[in-house]
């Protein structure tokens, strides 16, 4: 299993610091797990392969392109710095 951990500062609360861990088996397209923490609380969730396909279809984006955008936003933080915004609600 592969994992990444990134520090994020959501636009909804720029003074706050959160840590986002993403874990996956083969690639993000087969689904992944999320753990979000503000160092006081933690929230977890999973995204299935079916969820990814449904979301890509909902926004009328090619599935492979959608998976690549997920990778950039959730995993490749350094190469994508400043290109993606996070809102915590």
C-alpha atoms as a PDB file:
ATOM      1  CA  UNK A   1       0.000   0.000   0.000  1.00  0.00           C
ATOM      2  CA  UNK A   2       1.259   3.453  -0.870  1.00  0.00           C
ATOM      3  CA  UNK A   3       0.588   6.523   1.242  1.00  0.00           C
ATOM      4  CA  UNK A   4       1.232  10.234   1.053  1.00  0.00           C
ATOM      5  CA  UNK A   5       0.884  12.872   3.723  1.00  0.00           C
ATOM      6  CA  UNK A   6       0.442  16.543   2.855  1.00  0.00           C
ATOM      7  CA  UNK A   7      -0.061  19.662   4.904  1.00  0.00           C
ATOM      8  CA  UNK A   8      -2.950  21.777   3.638  1.00  0.00           C
ATOM      9  CA  UNK A   9      -4.262  25.217   4.522  1.00  0.00           C
ATOM     10  CA  UNK A  10      -7.901  25.382   3.422  1.00  0.00           C
ATOM     11  CA  UNK A  11      -9.182  28.582   1.826  1.00  0.00           C
ATOM     12  CA  UNK A  12     -12.170  28.306   4.156  1.00  0.00           C
ATOM     13  CA  UNK A  13      -9.819  28.816   7.145  1.00  0.00           C
ATOM     14  CA  UNK A  14      -6.354  29.898   5.912  1.00  0.00           C
ATOM     15  CA  UNK A  15      -4.915  30.157   9.427  1.00  0.00           C
ATOM     16  CA  UNK A  16      -5.675  26.488  10.122  1.00  0.00           C
ATOM     17  CA  UNK A  17      -3.346  23.620   9.302  1.00  0.00           C
ATOM     18  CA  UNK A  18      -4.652  20.205   8.348  1.00  0.00           C
ATOM     19  CA  UNK A  19      -2.853  17.034   7.391  1.00  0.00           C
ATOM     20  CA  UNK A  20      -4.259  14.901   4.589  1.00  0.00           C
ATOM     21  CA  UNK A  21      -3.146  11.292   4.222  1.00  0.00           C
ATOM     22  CA  UNK A  22      -4.137   9.426   1.069  1.00  0.00           C
ATOM     23  CA  UNK A  23      -3.584   5.667   0.793  1.00  0.00           C
ATOM     24  CA  UNK A  24      -4.103   3.432  -2.224  1.00  0.00           C
ATOM     25  CA  UNK A  25      -3.219  -0.032  -3.506  1.00  0.00           C
ATOM     26  CA  UNK A  26      -2.565   0.026  -7.283  1.00  0.00           C
ATOM     27  CA  UNK A  27      -3.456   3.570  -8.329  1.00  0.00           C
ATOM     28  CA  UNK A  28      -6.002   6.203  -7.362  1.00  0.00           C
ATOM     29  CA  UNK A  29      -8.342   4.957 -10.087  1.00  0.00           C
ATOM     30  CA  UNK A  30      -8.997   1.762  -8.141  1.00  0.00           C
ATOM     31  CA  UNK A  31     -10.103   3.717  -5.076  1.00  0.00           C
ATOM     32  CA  UNK A  32      -8.336   5.201  -2.085  1.00  0.00           C
ATOM     33  CA  UNK A  33      -8.629   6.005   1.590  1.00  0.00           C
ATOM     34  CA  UNK A  34      -8.457   9.441   3.172  1.00  0.00           C
ATOM     35  CA  UNK A  35      -7.514  10.574   6.640  1.00  0.00           C
ATOM     36  CA  UNK A  36      -7.829  14.272   7.471  1.00  0.00           C
ATOM     37  CA  UNK A  37      -6.595  15.648  10.780  1.00  0.00           C
ATOM     38  CA  UNK A  38      -6.231  19.027  12.433  1.00  0.00           C
ATOM     39  CA  UNK A  39      -4.044  17.390  15.148  1.00  0.00           C
ATOM     40  CA  UNK A  40      -6.972  17.476  17.528  1.00  0.00           C
ATOM     41  CA  UNK A  41      -9.566  15.515  15.568  1.00  0.00           C
ATOM     42  CA  UNK A  42      -9.336  13.071  12.673  1.00  0.00           C
ATOM     43  CA  UNK A  43     -11.816  12.110   9.976  1.00  0.00           C
ATOM     44  CA  UNK A  44     -11.556   9.112   7.670  1.00  0.00           C
ATOM     45  CA  UNK A  45     -13.289   8.021   4.511  1.00  0.00           C
ATOM     46  CA  UNK A  46     -12.954   5.867   1.445  1.00  0.00           C
ATOM     47  CA  UNK A  47     -13.533   6.539  -2.224  1.00  0.00           C
ATOM     48  CA  UNK A  48     -14.345   3.489  -4.326  1.00  0.00           C
ATOM     49  CA  UNK A  49     -13.607   2.859  -7.982  1.00  0.00           C
ATOM     50  CA  UNK A  50     -17.347   3.221  -8.641  1.00  0.00           C
ATOM     51  CA  UNK A  51     -17.358   6.601  -6.834  1.00  0.00           C
ATOM     52  CA  UNK A  52     -14.550   7.823  -9.087  1.00  0.00           C
ATOM     53  CA  UNK A  53     -16.334   6.699 -12.244  1.00  0.00           C
ATOM     54  CA  UNK A  54     -19.595   8.313 -11.104  1.00  0.00           C
ATOM     55  CA  UNK A  55     -17.925  11.631 -10.235  1.00  0.00           C
ATOM     56  CA  UNK A  56     -16.077  11.748 -13.570  1.00  0.00           C
ATOM     57  CA  UNK A  57     -19.340  11.076 -15.414  1.00  0.00           C
ATOM     58  CA  UNK A  58     -21.206  13.696 -13.339  1.00  0.00           C
ATOM     59  CA  UNK A  59     -18.787  16.427 -14.380  1.00  0.00           C
ATOM     60  CA  UNK A  60     -18.511  15.029 -17.920  1.00  0.00           C
ATOM     61  CA  UNK A  61     -14.764  14.490 -17.688  1.00  0.00           C
ATOM     62  CA  UNK A  62     -12.814  11.597 -19.140  1.00  0.00           C
ATOM     63  CA  UNK A  63     -12.211   9.148 -16.283  1.00  0.00           C
ATOM     64  CA  UNK A  64      -8.431   8.991 -16.829  1.00  0.00           C
ATOM     65  CA  UNK A  65      -8.234  12.790 -16.838  1.00  0.00           C
ATOM     66  CA  UNK A  66     -10.293  12.895 -13.631  1.00  0.00           C
ATOM     67  CA  UNK A  67      -7.955  10.404 -11.929  1.00  0.00           C
ATOM     68  CA  UNK A  68      -4.958  12.497 -13.027  1.00  0.00           C
ATOM     69  CA  UNK A  69      -6.563  15.635 -11.526  1.00  0.00           C
ATOM     70  CA  UNK A  70      -7.200  13.720  -8.284  1.00  0.00           C
ATOM     71  CA  UNK A  71      -3.540  12.695  -8.223  1.00  0.00           C
ATOM     72  CA  UNK A  72      -2.412  16.286  -8.703  1.00  0.00           C
ATOM     73  CA  UNK A  73      -4.764  17.659  -6.046  1.00  0.00           C
ATOM     74  CA  UNK A  74      -4.336  14.952  -3.401  1.00  0.00           C
ATOM     75  CA  UNK A  75      -0.860  13.479  -3.866  1.00  0.00           C
ATOM     76  CA  UNK A  76       1.429  15.733  -5.909  1.00  0.00           C
ATOM     77  CA  UNK A  77       1.259  18.690  -3.533  1.00  0.00           C
ATOM     78  CA  UNK A  78       4.643  20.181  -4.407  1.00  0.00           C
ATOM     79  CA  UNK A  79       4.148  20.155  -8.180  1.00  0.00           C
ATOM     80  CA  UNK A  80       0.584  21.442  -7.786  1.00  0.00           C
ATOM     81  CA  UNK A  81       1.186  24.048  -5.080  1.00  0.00           C
ATOM     82  CA  UNK A  82      -1.202  26.958  -5.464  1.00  0.00           C
ATOM     83  CA  UNK A  83      -3.254  25.276  -8.200  1.00  0.00           C
ATOM     84  CA  UNK A  84      -5.846  23.593  -5.979  1.00  0.00           C
ATOM     85  CA  UNK A  85      -7.913  24.995  -3.129  1.00  0.00           C
ATOM     86  CA  UNK A  86      -9.382  23.016  -0.253  1.00  0.00           C
ATOM     87  CA  UNK A  87     -12.529  23.935   1.616  1.00  0.00           C
ATOM     88  CA  UNK A  88     -13.259  22.207   4.928  1.00  0.00           C
ATOM     89  CA  UNK A  89     -16.917  22.032   5.925  1.00  0.00           C
END
